[in-house]
Amino acid sequence: MSETGDVNGSGDDIDIEVVEVVTGEVDSDGNLIVDDAVMLVDDEGNILAADETVTFATPEGDLVIDETVSVVGEDGELHVVDEDVTVVEAADEG
């Protein structure tokens, strides 16, 4: 997906592309870890904003979901503007 527009107020049109990278692995304790990063990238390859969600799932069924939203600052670095952590514990059977 790609958009074109004057996003920086300079009068110049730049292309912006949405890039998503999803990785997953199982650690030595059997926890499933999935990292889903969605980024807005300009036509020069610079990341303008990012939304990263990392999910940890334990073999017991517990979940931890950590979402971080960042935007690029005037210094050219990404800065966190919002972070939300959700913990869902598996129900005990018995």
PDB file of N, CA and C in Angstrom:
ATOM      1  N   MET A   1       0.846  -1.157   0.000  1.00  0.00           N
ATOM      2  CA  MET A   1       0.000   0.000   0.000  1.00  0.00           C
ATOM      3  C   MET A   1       0.896   1.226   0.000  1.00  0.00           C
ATOM      4  N   SER A   2       0.565   2.195  -0.841  1.00  0.00           N
ATOM      5  CA  SER A   2       1.387   3.383  -0.962  1.00  0.00           C
ATOM      6  C   SER A   2       0.489   4.595  -1.152  1.00  0.00           C
ATOM      7  N   GLU A   3       0.861   5.702  -0.555  1.00  0.00           N
ATOM      8  CA  GLU A   3       0.129   6.957  -0.682  1.00  0.00           C
ATOM      9  C   GLU A   3       1.116   8.041  -1.063  1.00  0.00           C
ATOM     10  N   THR A   4       0.627   9.091  -1.722  1.00  0.00           N
ATOM     11  CA  THR A   4       1.458  10.242  -2.056  1.00  0.00           C
ATOM     12  C   THR A   4       0.775  11.471  -1.511  1.00  0.00           C
ATOM     13  N   GLY A   5       1.552  12.385  -0.936  1.00  0.00           N
ATOM     14  CA  GLY A   5       0.954  13.612  -0.427  1.00  0.00           C
ATOM     15  C   GLY A   5       1.988  14.500   0.222  1.00  0.00           C
ATOM     16  N   ASP A   6       1.578  15.734   0.532  1.00  0.00           N
ATOM     17  CA  ASP A   6       2.437  16.708   1.194  1.00  0.00           C
ATOM     18  C   ASP A   6       2.271  16.516   2.696  1.00  0.00           C
ATOM     19  N   VAL A   7       3.090  15.641   3.287  1.00  0.00           N
ATOM     20  CA  VAL A   7       2.934  15.333   4.714  1.00  0.00           C
ATOM     21  C   VAL A   7       3.806  16.188   5.621  1.00  0.00           C
ATOM     22  N   ASN A   8       4.786  16.873   5.039  1.00  0.00           N
ATOM     23  CA  ASN A   8       5.678  17.659   5.897  1.00  0.00           C
ATOM     24  C   ASN A   8       5.486  19.165   5.730  1.00  0.00           C
ATOM     25  N   GLY A   9       4.478  19.581   4.941  1.00  0.00           N
ATOM     26  CA  GLY A   9       4.195  21.006   4.806  1.00  0.00           C
ATOM     27  C   GLY A   9       5.154  21.749   3.914  1.00  0.00           C
ATOM     28  N   SER A  10       6.047  21.055   3.234  1.00  0.00           N
ATOM     29  CA  SER A  10       7.052  21.717   2.401  1.00  0.00           C
ATOM     30  C   SER A  10       6.558  22.004   0.996  1.00  0.00           C
ATOM     31  N   GLY A  11       5.402  21.457   0.626  1.00  0.00           N
ATOM     32  CA  GLY A  11       4.920  21.601  -0.731  1.00  0.00           C
ATOM     33  C   GLY A  11       5.387  20.489  -1.638  1.00  0.00           C
ATOM     34  N   ASP A  12       6.282  19.643  -1.138  1.00  0.00           N
ATOM     35  CA  ASP A  12       6.786  18.518  -1.918  1.00  0.00           C
ATOM     36  C   ASP A  12       5.954  17.284  -1.621  1.00  0.00           C
ATOM     37  N   ASP A  13       5.582  16.567  -2.679  1.00  0.00           N
ATOM     38  CA  ASP A  13       4.901  15.296  -2.491  1.00  0.00           C
ATOM     39  C   ASP A  13       5.926  14.208  -2.222  1.00  0.00           C
ATOM     40  N   ILE A  14       5.637  13.349  -1.247  1.00  0.00           N
ATOM     41  CA  ILE A  14       6.497  12.198  -0.987  1.00  0.00           C
ATOM     42  C   ILE A  14       5.633  10.952  -0.976  1.00  0.00           C
ATOM     43  N   ASP A  15       6.218   9.845  -1.364  1.00  0.00           N
ATOM     44  CA  ASP A  15       5.520   8.573  -1.315  1.00  0.00           C
ATOM     45  C   ASP A  15       5.662   7.977   0.073  1.00  0.00           C
ATOM     46  N   ILE A  16       4.557   7.457   0.600  1.00  0.00           N
ATOM     47  CA  ILE A  16       4.574   6.791   1.902  1.00  0.00           C
ATOM     48  C   ILE A  16       4.060   5.381   1.702  1.00  0.00           C
ATOM     49  N   GLU A  17       4.788   4.421   2.224  1.00  0.00           N
ATOM     50  CA  GLU A  17       4.409   3.022   2.091  1.00  0.00           C
ATOM     51  C   GLU A  17       4.203   2.416   3.472  1.00  0.00           C
ATOM     52  N   VAL A  18       3.224   1.534   3.595  1.00  0.00           N
ATOM     53  CA  VAL A  18       2.999   0.789   4.833  1.00  0.00           C
ATOM     54  C   VAL A  18       3.752  -0.533   4.711  1.00  0.00           C
ATOM     55  N   VAL A  19       4.645  -0.782   5.677  1.00  0.00           N
ATOM     56  CA  VAL A  19       5.450  -1.998   5.690  1.00  0.00           C
ATOM     57  C   VAL A  19       5.142  -2.754   6.977  1.00  0.00           C
ATOM     58  N   GLU A  20       4.854  -4.048   6.855  1.00  0.00           N
ATOM     59  CA  GLU A  20       4.582  -4.870   8.034  1.00  0.00           C
ATOM     60  C   GLU A  20       5.557  -6.029   8.073  1.00  0.00           C
ATOM     61  N   VAL A  21       6.151  -6.228   9.244  1.00  0.00           N
ATOM     62  CA  VAL A  21       7.081  -7.339   9.462  1.00  0.00           C
ATOM     63  C   VAL A  21       6.584  -8.129  10.665  1.00  0.00           C
ATOM     64  N   VAL A  22       6.358  -9.430  10.466  1.00  0.00           N
ATOM     65  CA  VAL A  22       5.897 -10.295  11.549  1.00  0.00           C
ATOM     66  C   VAL A  22       6.930 -11.396  11.750  1.00  0.00           C
ATOM     67  N   THR A  23       7.392 -11.545  12.976  1.00  0.00           N
ATOM     68  CA  THR A  23       8.318 -12.629  13.308  1.00  0.00           C
ATOM     69  C   THR A  23       7.750 -13.408  14.481  1.00  0.00           C
ATOM     70  N   GLY A  24       8.137 -14.656  14.572  1.00  0.00           N
ATOM     71  CA  GLY A  24       7.682 -15.484  15.680  1.00  0.00           C
ATOM     72  C   GLY A  24       8.717 -16.522  16.038  1.00  0.00           C
ATOM     73  N   GLU A  25       8.725 -16.890  17.298  1.00  0.00           N
ATOM     74  CA  GLU A  25       9.643 -17.927  17.768  1.00  0.00           C
ATOM     75  C   GLU A  25       9.108 -18.537  19.052  1.00  0.00           C
ATOM     76  N   VAL A  26       9.619 -19.694  19.373  1.00  0.00           N
ATOM     77  CA  VAL A  26       9.319 -20.347  20.641  1.00  0.00           C
ATOM     78  C   VAL A  26      10.625 -20.397  21.425  1.00  0.00           C
ATOM     79  N   ASP A  27      10.606 -19.856  22.659  1.00  0.00           N
ATOM     80  CA  ASP A  27      11.835 -19.851  23.453  1.00  0.00           C
ATOM     81  C   ASP A  27      12.033 -21.189  24.161  1.00  0.00           C
ATOM     82  N   SER A  28      13.120 -21.295  24.917  1.00  0.00           N
ATOM     83  CA  SER A  28      13.479 -22.561  25.562  1.00  0.00           C
ATOM     84  C   SER A  28      12.471 -22.991  26.634  1.00  0.00           C
ATOM     85  N   ASP A  29      11.643 -22.060  27.132  1.00  0.00           N
ATOM     86  CA  ASP A  29      10.624 -22.395  28.127  1.00  0.00           C
ATOM     87  C   ASP A  29       9.287 -22.767  27.484  1.00  0.00           C
ATOM     88  N   GLY A  30       9.218 -22.737  26.153  1.00  0.00           N
ATOM     89  CA  GLY A  30       7.983 -23.075  25.457  1.00  0.00           C
ATOM     90  C   GLY A  30       7.045 -21.909  25.247  1.00  0.00           C
ATOM     91  N   ASN A  31       7.505 -20.686  25.533  1.00  0.00           N
ATOM     92  CA  ASN A  31       6.685 -19.504  25.311  1.00  0.00           C
ATOM     93  C   ASN A  31       6.711 -19.118  23.837  1.00  0.00           C
ATOM     94  N   LEU A  32       5.550 -18.812  23.281  1.00  0.00           N
ATOM     95  CA  LEU A  32       5.458 -18.326  21.910  1.00  0.00           C
ATOM     96  C   LEU A  32       5.563 -16.808  21.946  1.00  0.00           C
ATOM     97  N   ILE A  33       6.460 -16.259  21.133  1.00  0.00           N
ATOM     98  CA  ILE A  33       6.654 -14.814  21.069  1.00  0.00           C
ATOM     99  C   ILE A  33       6.429 -14.383  19.624  1.00  0.00           C
ATOM    100  N   VAL A  34       5.468 -13.478  19.422  1.00  0.00           N
ATOM    101  CA  VAL A  34       5.169 -12.962  18.091  1.00  0.00           C
ATOM    102  C   VAL A  34       5.347 -11.453  18.118  1.00  0.00           C
ATOM    103  N   ASP A  35       6.154 -10.940  17.185  1.00  0.00           N
ATOM    104  CA  ASP A  35       6.422  -9.509  17.071  1.00  0.00           C
ATOM    105  C   ASP A  35       5.849  -9.033  15.740  1.00  0.00           C
ATOM    106  N   ASP A  36       4.859  -8.146  15.802  1.00  0.00           N
ATOM    107  CA  ASP A  36       4.200  -7.608  14.612  1.00  0.00           C
ATOM    108  C   ASP A  36       4.463  -6.108  14.572  1.00  0.00           C
ATOM    109  N   ALA A  37       5.282  -5.660  13.613  1.00  0.00           N
ATOM    110  CA  ALA A  37       5.624  -4.244  13.482  1.00  0.00           C
ATOM    111  C   ALA A  37       5.057  -3.707  12.174  1.00  0.00           C
ATOM    112  N   VAL A  38       4.264  -2.638  12.283  1.00  0.00           N
ATOM    113  CA  VAL A  38       3.709  -1.948  11.117  1.00  0.00           C
ATOM    114  C   VAL A  38       4.323  -0.558  11.102  1.00  0.00           C
ATOM    115  N   MET A  39       4.936  -0.198   9.962  1.00  0.00           N
ATOM    116  CA  MET A  39       5.648   1.078   9.874  1.00  0.00           C
ATOM    117  C   MET A  39       5.204   1.881   8.659  1.00  0.00           C
ATOM    118  N   LEU A  40       5.186   3.206   8.810  1.00  0.00           N
ATOM    119  CA  LEU A  40       5.023   4.105   7.678  1.00  0.00           C
ATOM    120  C   LEU A  40       6.418   4.523   7.249  1.00  0.00           C
ATOM    121  N   VAL A  41       6.749   4.275   5.980  1.00  0.00           N
ATOM    122  CA  VAL A  41       8.104   4.519   5.475  1.00  0.00           C
ATOM    123  C   VAL A  41       8.016   5.472   4.291  1.00  0.00           C
ATOM    124  N   ASP A  42       8.882   6.512   4.275  1.00  0.00           N
ATOM    125  CA  ASP A  42       8.867   7.451   3.158  1.00  0.00           C
ATOM    126  C   ASP A  42       9.661   6.902   1.977  1.00  0.00           C
ATOM    127  N   ASP A  43       9.691   7.669   0.888  1.00  0.00           N
ATOM    128  CA  ASP A  43      10.331   7.201  -0.334  1.00  0.00           C
ATOM    129  C   ASP A  43      11.850   7.113  -0.245  1.00  0.00           C
ATOM    130  N   GLU A  44      12.431   7.609   0.852  1.00  0.00           N
ATOM    131  CA  GLU A  44      13.875   7.484   1.068  1.00  0.00           C
ATOM    132  C   GLU A  44      14.209   6.360   2.049  1.00  0.00           C
ATOM    133  N   GLY A  45      13.191   5.618   2.496  1.00  0.00           N
ATOM    134  CA  GLY A  45      13.410   4.509   3.415  1.00  0.00           C
ATOM    135  C   GLY A  45      13.394   4.892   4.877  1.00  0.00           C
ATOM    136  N   ASN A  46      13.041   6.134   5.186  1.00  0.00           N
ATOM    137  CA  ASN A  46      12.981   6.589   6.578  1.00  0.00           C
ATOM    138  C   ASN A  46      11.660   6.168   7.212  1.00  0.00           C
ATOM    139  N   ILE A  47      11.719   5.651   8.428  1.00  0.00           N
ATOM    140  CA  ILE A  47      10.510   5.285   9.165  1.00  0.00           C
ATOM    141  C   ILE A  47       9.917   6.549   9.773  1.00  0.00           C
ATOM    142  N   LEU A  48       8.651   6.828   9.458  1.00  0.00           N
ATOM    143  CA  LEU A  48       7.977   8.016   9.974  1.00  0.00           C
ATOM    144  C   LEU A  48       7.172   7.722  11.233  1.00  0.00           C
ATOM    145  N   ALA A  49       6.635   6.508  11.322  1.00  0.00           N
ATOM    146  CA  ALA A  49       5.843   6.096  12.477  1.00  0.00           C
ATOM    147  C   ALA A  49       5.840   4.578  12.536  1.00  0.00           C
ATOM    148  N   ALA A  50       5.637   4.050  13.742  1.00  0.00           N
ATOM    149  CA  ALA A  50       5.634   2.598  13.917  1.00  0.00           C
ATOM    150  C   ALA A  50       4.606   2.203  14.966  1.00  0.00           C
ATOM    151  N   ASP A  51       3.977   1.067  14.723  1.00  0.00           N
ATOM    152  CA  ASP A  51       3.065   0.454  15.687  1.00  0.00           C
ATOM    153  C   ASP A  51       3.537  -0.982  15.851  1.00  0.00           C
ATOM    154  N   GLU A  52       4.117  -1.277  17.013  1.00  0.00           N
ATOM    155  CA  GLU A  52       4.671  -2.608  17.262  1.00  0.00           C
ATOM    156  C   GLU A  52       3.873  -3.301  18.351  1.00  0.00           C
ATOM    157  N   THR A  53       3.441  -4.515  18.043  1.00  0.00           N
ATOM    158  CA  THR A  53       2.721  -5.335  19.017  1.00  0.00           C
ATOM    159  C   THR A  53       3.512  -6.617  19.243  1.00  0.00           C
ATOM    160  N   VAL A  54       3.916  -6.838  20.494  1.00  0.00           N
ATOM    161  CA  VAL A  54       4.635  -8.055  20.863  1.00  0.00           C
ATOM    162  C   VAL A  54       3.717  -8.865  21.769  1.00  0.00           C
ATOM    163  N   THR A  55       3.474 -10.118  21.378  1.00  0.00           N
ATOM    164  CA  THR A  55       2.598 -10.997  22.145  1.00  0.00           C
ATOM    165  C   THR A  55       3.402 -12.175  22.673  1.00  0.00           C
ATOM    166  N   PHE A  56       3.288 -12.424  23.979  1.00  0.00           N
ATOM    167  CA  PHE A  56       3.916 -13.566  24.634  1.00  0.00           C
ATOM    168  C   PHE A  56       2.798 -14.510  25.075  1.00  0.00           C
ATOM    169  N   ALA A  57       2.875 -15.756  24.673  1.00  0.00           N
ATOM    170  CA  ALA A  57       1.880 -16.753  25.086  1.00  0.00           C
ATOM    171  C   ALA A  57       2.611 -17.898  25.764  1.00  0.00           C
ATOM    172  N   THR A  58       2.243 -18.187  27.009  1.00  0.00           N
ATOM    173  CA  THR A  58       2.893 -19.264  27.758  1.00  0.00           C
ATOM    174  C   THR A  58       2.202 -20.589  27.451  1.00  0.00           C
ATOM    175  N   PRO A  59       2.884 -21.699  27.698  1.00  0.00           N
ATOM    176  CA  PRO A  59       2.244 -23.012  27.505  1.00  0.00           C
ATOM    177  C   PRO A  59       1.002 -23.188  28.374  1.00  0.00           C
ATOM    178  N   GLU A  60       0.928 -22.459  29.489  1.00  0.00           N
ATOM    179  CA  GLU A  60      -0.225 -22.551  30.381  1.00  0.00           C
ATOM    180  C   GLU A  60      -1.423 -21.750  29.870  1.00  0.00           C
ATOM    181  N   GLY A  61      -1.218 -20.939  28.813  1.00  0.00           N
ATOM    182  CA  GLY A  61      -2.310 -20.158  28.247  1.00  0.00           C
ATOM    183  C   GLY A  61      -2.353 -18.701  28.662  1.00  0.00           C
ATOM    184  N   ASP A  62      -1.383 -18.263  29.471  1.00  0.00           N
ATOM    185  CA  ASP A  62      -1.324 -16.849  29.840  1.00  0.00           C
ATOM    186  C   ASP A  62      -0.847 -16.032  28.638  1.00  0.00           C
ATOM    187  N   LEU A  63      -1.344 -14.790  28.525  1.00  0.00           N
ATOM    188  CA  LEU A  63      -0.948 -13.904  27.439  1.00  0.00           C
ATOM    189  C   LEU A  63      -0.473 -12.571  27.985  1.00  0.00           C
ATOM    190  N   VAL A  64       0.557 -12.018  27.370  1.00  0.00           N
ATOM    191  CA  VAL A  64       0.979 -10.638  27.613  1.00  0.00           C
ATOM    192  C   VAL A  64       1.064  -9.988  26.245  1.00  0.00           C
ATOM    193  N   ILE A  65       0.315  -8.891  26.070  1.00  0.00           N
ATOM    194  CA  ILE A  65       0.303  -8.171  24.804  1.00  0.00           C
ATOM    195  C   ILE A  65       0.813  -6.764  25.072  1.00  0.00           C
ATOM    196  N   ASP A  66       1.915  -6.401  24.407  1.00  0.00           N
ATOM    197  CA  ASP A  66       2.564  -5.105  24.601  1.00  0.00           C
ATOM    198  C   ASP A  66       2.533  -4.353  23.271  1.00  0.00           C
ATOM    199  N   GLU A  67       1.744  -3.261  23.209  1.00  0.00           N
ATOM    200  CA  GLU A  67       1.666  -2.462  21.988  1.00  0.00           C
ATOM    201  C   GLU A  67       2.321  -1.109  22.224  1.00  0.00           C
ATOM    202  N   THR A  68       3.206  -0.720  21.303  1.00  0.00           N
ATOM    203  CA  THR A  68       3.920   0.546  21.392  1.00  0.00           C
ATOM    204  C   THR A  68       3.736   1.314  20.088  1.00  0.00           C
ATOM    205  N   VAL A  69       3.302   2.577  20.190  1.00  0.00           N
ATOM    206  CA  VAL A  69       3.155   3.447  19.025  1.00  0.00           C
ATOM    207  C   VAL A  69       4.206   4.537  19.135  1.00  0.00           C
ATOM    208  N   SER A  70       4.974   4.723  18.043  1.00  0.00           N
ATOM    209  CA  SER A  70       6.046   5.708  18.020  1.00  0.00           C
ATOM    210  C   SER A  70       5.946   6.558  16.761  1.00  0.00           C
ATOM    211  N   VAL A  71       6.394   7.816  16.868  1.00  0.00           N
ATOM    212  CA  VAL A  71       6.481   8.709  15.712  1.00  0.00           C
ATOM    213  C   VAL A  71       7.860   9.340  15.692  1.00  0.00           C
ATOM    214  N   VAL A  72       8.289   9.738  14.503  1.00  0.00           N
ATOM    215  CA  VAL A  72       9.604  10.350  14.359  1.00  0.00           C
ATOM    216  C   VAL A  72       9.536  11.791  14.865  1.00  0.00           C
ATOM    217  N   GLY A  73      10.565  12.174  15.618  1.00  0.00           N
ATOM    218  CA  GLY A  73      10.649  13.539  16.138  1.00  0.00           C
ATOM    219  C   GLY A  73      11.510  14.412  15.243  1.00  0.00           C
ATOM    220  N   GLU A  74      11.641  15.679  15.614  1.00  0.00           N
ATOM    221  CA  GLU A  74      12.468  16.609  14.847  1.00  0.00           C
ATOM    222  C   GLU A  74      13.923  16.180  14.798  1.00  0.00           C
ATOM    223  N   ASP A  75      14.332  15.339  15.765  1.00  0.00           N
ATOM    224  CA  ASP A  75      15.711  14.851  15.797  1.00  0.00           C
ATOM    225  C   ASP A  75      15.929  13.642  14.891  1.00  0.00           C
ATOM    226  N   GLY A  76      14.864  13.192  14.214  1.00  0.00           N
ATOM    227  CA  GLY A  76      14.984  12.055  13.310  1.00  0.00           C
ATOM    228  C   GLY A  76      14.875  10.705  13.978  1.00  0.00           C
ATOM    229  N   GLU A  77      14.676  10.682  15.290  1.00  0.00           N
ATOM    230  CA  GLU A  77      14.554   9.432  16.042  1.00  0.00           C
ATOM    231  C   GLU A  77      13.090   9.144  16.342  1.00  0.00           C
ATOM    232  N   LEU A  78      12.766   7.838  16.487  1.00  0.00           N
ATOM    233  CA  LEU A  78      11.412   7.464  16.891  1.00  0.00           C
ATOM    234  C   LEU A  78      11.219   7.705  18.379  1.00  0.00           C
ATOM    235  N   HIS A  79      10.062   8.271  18.733  1.00  0.00           N
ATOM    236  CA  HIS A  79       9.723   8.533  20.127  1.00  0.00           C
ATOM    237  C   HIS A  79       8.384   7.874  20.448  1.00  0.00           C
ATOM    238  N   VAL A  80       8.332   7.177  21.565  1.00  0.00           N
ATOM    239  CA  VAL A  80       7.105   6.496  21.984  1.00  0.00           C
ATOM    240  C   VAL A  80       6.076   7.546  22.374  1.00  0.00           C
ATOM    241  N   VAL A  81       4.871   7.435  21.791  1.00  0.00           N
ATOM    242  CA  VAL A  81       3.780   8.342  22.144  1.00  0.00           C
ATOM    243  C   VAL A  81       2.671   7.621  22.897  1.00  0.00           C
ATOM    244  N   ASP A  82       2.653   6.289  22.823  1.00  0.00           N
ATOM    245  CA  ASP A  82       1.645   5.524  23.556  1.00  0.00           C
ATOM    246  C   ASP A  82       2.131   4.091  23.729  1.00  0.00           C
ATOM    247  N   GLU A  83       1.907   3.540  24.903  1.00  0.00           N
ATOM    248  CA  GLU A  83       2.231   2.135  25.151  1.00  0.00           C
ATOM    249  C   GLU A  83       1.137   1.540  26.023  1.00  0.00           C
ATOM    250  N   ASP A  84       0.715   0.340  25.649  1.00  0.00           N
ATOM    251  CA  ASP A  84      -0.346  -0.343  26.381  1.00  0.00           C
ATOM    252  C   ASP A  84       0.070  -1.793  26.581  1.00  0.00           C
ATOM    253  N   VAL A  85       0.033  -2.249  27.823  1.00  0.00           N
ATOM    254  CA  VAL A  85       0.357  -3.635  28.137  1.00  0.00           C
ATOM    255  C   VAL A  85      -0.890  -4.283  28.723  1.00  0.00           C
ATOM    256  N   THR A  86      -1.285  -5.412  28.133  1.00  0.00           N
ATOM    257  CA  THR A  86      -2.442  -6.180  28.598  1.00  0.00           C
ATOM    258  C   THR A  86      -1.980  -7.561  29.035  1.00  0.00           C
ATOM    259  N   VAL A  87      -2.426  -7.991  30.212  1.00  0.00           N
ATOM    260  CA  VAL A  87      -2.092  -9.318  30.731  1.00  0.00           C
ATOM    261  C   VAL A  87      -3.390 -10.091  30.885  1.00  0.00           C
ATOM    262  N   VAL A  88      -3.434 -11.263  30.275  1.00  0.00           N
ATOM    263  CA  VAL A  88      -4.603 -12.136  30.380  1.00  0.00           C
ATOM    264  C   VAL A  88      -4.127 -13.468  30.937  1.00  0.00           C
ATOM    265  N   GLU A  89      -4.602 -13.809  32.138  1.00  0.00           N
ATOM    266  CA  GLU A  89      -4.200 -15.068  32.759  1.00  0.00           C
ATOM    267  C   GLU A  89      -5.184 -16.163  32.392  1.00  0.00           C
ATOM    268  N   ALA A  90      -4.656 -17.336  32.108  1.00  0.00           N
ATOM    269  CA  ALA A  90      -5.494 -18.501  31.782  1.00  0.00           C
ATOM    270  C   ALA A  90      -6.329 -18.861  32.984  1.00  0.00           C
ATOM    271  N   ALA A  91      -7.535 -19.301  32.737  1.00  0.00           N
ATOM    272  CA  ALA A  91      -8.412 -19.729  33.820  1.00  0.00           C
ATOM    273  C   ALA A  91      -7.938 -21.066  34.364  1.00  0.00           C
ATOM    274  N   ASP A  92      -7.919 -21.179  35.700  1.00  0.00           N
ATOM    275  CA  ASP A  92      -7.561 -22.451  36.328  1.00  0.00           C
ATOM    276  C   ASP A  92      -8.707 -23.433  36.170  1.00  0.00           C
ATOM    277  N   GLU A  93      -8.390 -24.614  35.727  1.00  0.00           N
ATOM    278  CA  GLU A  93      -9.411 -25.666  35.631  1.00  0.00           C
ATOM    279  C   GLU A  93      -9.313 -26.552  36.858  1.00  0.00           C
ATOM    280  N   GLY A  94     -10.416 -26.893  37.397  1.00  0.00           N
ATOM    281  CA  GLY A  94     -10.342 -27.841  38.475  1.00  0.00           C
ATOM    282  C   GLY A  94     -11.156 -27.477  39.605  1.00  0.00           C
TER     283      GLY A  94
END
